[in-house]
Amino acid sequence: MAKTLDIHIKRVYEEPEKADGYRMLVDRLWPRGIKKEDAKLNEWNKDIAPSPALRKWFDHRRDRFDEFSRHYYEELNSKKEELHRLRAIAGKQPLTLLYAAKDTSVNHARVLYDVLSDHSTKSGTKTK
């Protein structure tokens, strides 16, 4: 039986809470308007974020999200060791993936959440 993972996603601009557990920023760029000490991060994981080229192409456009998700899923597929490490963290304590995007439903943290939770399909689209 698979271990239950405790993974959450949340905007980095939201107030930190004890229930967040291990707080990991999963953006490649530092979020605007936040001081590093105020973010209350355990880790800033730039490597798990989408590549700069994919991030720029996506540009947070809703009409590109499905294709973006497929490409990001492919990128994540090459980072199996890192995904294993994140799942290990989430197996021991809550893991909160923090992102800065304004859109709470169309962003890379949602794709990463699905991949970590094994809720993604081969195409990388969400199944939640």
Protein backbone atom coordinates (compact mmCIF):
# COMPACT_ATOMS: atom_id res chain seq x y z
CA MET A 1 0.00 0.00 0.00
CA ALA A 2 1.37 3.41 -0.99
CA LYS A 3 2.23 5.94 1.67
CA THR A 4 -0.18 8.88 1.93
CA LEU A 5 1.50 12.09 0.94
CA ASP A 6 0.53 15.37 2.58
CA ILE A 7 1.02 17.93 -0.20
CA HIS A 8 -0.57 21.36 -0.49
CA ILE A 9 -0.18 24.31 -2.82
CA LYS A 10 -0.52 27.92 -1.87
CA ARG A 11 0.42 31.38 -3.08
CA VAL A 12 3.59 32.62 -1.44
CA TYR A 13 1.73 35.86 -0.66
CA GLU A 14 -0.61 34.05 1.75
CA GLU A 15 0.23 34.13 5.44
CA PRO A 16 2.51 31.29 6.59
CA GLU A 17 0.79 28.79 8.88
CA LYS A 18 2.14 26.09 11.15
CA ALA A 19 0.04 23.55 9.19
CA ASP A 20 2.10 24.35 6.07
CA GLY A 21 4.86 22.11 7.36
CA TYR A 22 7.83 22.20 4.98
CA ARG A 23 7.46 25.37 2.91
CA MET A 24 9.08 25.15 -0.52
CA LEU A 25 9.06 27.95 -3.09
CA VAL A 26 8.90 26.24 -6.50
CA ASP A 27 9.37 29.33 -8.70
CA ARG A 28 12.55 30.01 -10.62
CA LEU A 29 12.26 33.77 -9.98
CA TRP A 30 11.91 35.41 -6.58
CA PRO A 31 8.34 36.74 -6.08
CA ARG A 32 7.90 40.50 -6.24
CA GLY A 33 7.24 42.41 -3.07
CA ILE A 34 8.27 39.70 -0.60
CA LYS A 35 11.30 39.92 1.63
CA LYS A 36 13.18 36.63 1.96
CA GLU A 37 12.89 36.64 5.74
CA ASP A 38 9.10 37.19 5.53
CA ALA A 39 8.55 34.18 3.24
CA LYS A 40 9.35 31.72 6.05
CA LEU A 41 10.75 29.18 3.58
CA ASN A 42 12.45 25.92 4.32
CA GLU A 43 13.71 25.81 0.75
CA TRP A 44 13.72 27.67 -2.55
CA ASN A 45 13.74 24.95 -5.20
CA LYS A 46 14.45 26.65 -8.53
CA ASP A 47 15.41 23.38 -10.22
CA ILE A 48 11.91 21.87 -10.01
CA ALA A 49 10.37 24.95 -11.65
CA PRO A 50 9.66 25.03 -15.40
CA SER A 51 12.60 25.89 -17.63
CA PRO A 52 12.99 29.60 -18.46
CA ALA A 53 12.00 28.97 -22.10
CA LEU A 54 8.83 27.09 -21.14
CA ARG A 55 7.90 29.65 -18.48
CA LYS A 56 8.31 32.54 -20.93
CA TRP A 57 6.35 30.75 -23.67
CA PHE A 58 3.48 29.90 -21.29
CA ASP A 59 3.22 33.48 -20.00
CA HIS A 60 0.34 32.35 -17.70
CA ARG A 61 -2.05 32.22 -20.65
CA ARG A 62 -5.07 30.00 -19.95
CA ASP A 63 -5.28 28.95 -23.61
CA ARG A 64 -1.76 27.50 -23.39
CA PHE A 65 -2.15 25.66 -20.07
CA ASP A 66 -2.85 22.17 -21.45
CA GLU A 67 0.15 22.29 -23.78
CA PHE A 68 2.28 23.88 -21.05
CA SER A 69 1.26 21.08 -18.68
CA ARG A 70 2.37 18.41 -21.17
CA HIS A 71 5.76 20.08 -21.69
CA TYR A 72 6.30 20.67 -17.97
CA TYR A 73 5.35 17.06 -17.26
CA GLU A 74 8.10 16.01 -19.72
CA GLU A 75 10.59 18.26 -17.94
CA LEU A 76 9.59 16.81 -14.58
CA ASN A 77 9.94 13.30 -15.95
CA SER A 78 13.68 13.94 -16.27
CA LYS A 79 13.90 14.95 -12.58
CA LYS A 80 12.91 11.65 -10.98
CA GLU A 81 15.43 11.91 -8.12
CA GLU A 82 14.14 15.34 -7.15
CA LEU A 83 10.52 14.18 -7.35
CA HIS A 84 11.42 11.23 -5.12
CA ARG A 85 13.01 13.64 -2.60
CA LEU A 86 9.88 15.83 -2.54
CA ARG A 87 7.64 12.79 -2.07
CA ALA A 88 9.88 11.66 0.80
CA ILE A 89 9.44 15.05 2.49
CA ALA A 90 5.66 14.85 1.99
CA GLY A 91 5.63 11.34 3.44
CA LYS A 92 7.14 12.58 6.70
CA GLN A 93 5.42 15.95 7.13
CA PRO A 94 3.14 18.34 5.25
CA LEU A 95 4.79 19.81 2.14
CA THR A 96 3.46 23.12 0.88
CA LEU A 97 4.46 24.09 -2.65
CA LEU A 98 4.54 27.88 -2.85
CA TYR A 99 4.15 29.84 -6.07
CA ALA A 100 3.69 33.50 -7.00
CA ALA A 101 1.32 33.30 -9.99
CA LYS A 102 -1.91 35.29 -9.64
CA ASP A 103 -4.07 32.56 -11.15
CA THR A 104 -4.67 29.87 -8.55
CA SER A 105 -5.96 27.31 -11.05
CA VAL A 106 -3.62 27.81 -14.02
CA ASN A 107 -0.03 27.59 -12.81
CA HIS A 108 2.92 25.23 -12.72
CA ALA A 109 2.46 24.37 -9.03
CA ARG A 110 -0.81 22.61 -9.94
CA VAL A 111 1.03 20.43 -12.47
CA LEU A 112 3.80 19.69 -9.97
CA TYR A 113 1.21 18.81 -7.33
CA ASP A 114 -0.47 16.36 -9.71
CA VAL A 115 2.82 14.73 -10.64
CA LEU A 116 3.89 14.38 -7.01
CA SER A 117 0.49 13.01 -6.04
CA ASP A 118 0.49 10.64 -9.02
CA HIS A 119 -2.71 12.26 -10.25
CA SER A 120 -1.36 13.17 -13.63
CA THR A 121 -1.83 11.28 -16.84
CA LYS A 122 0.84 10.60 -19.43
CA SER A 123 -0.16 13.81 -21.19
CA GLY A 124 0.40 15.82 -18.03
CA THR A 125 -3.13 17.15 -17.80
CA LYS A 126 -4.79 17.45 -14.44
CA THR A 127 -7.29 14.89 -13.29
CA LYS A 128 -8.46 16.62 -10.11
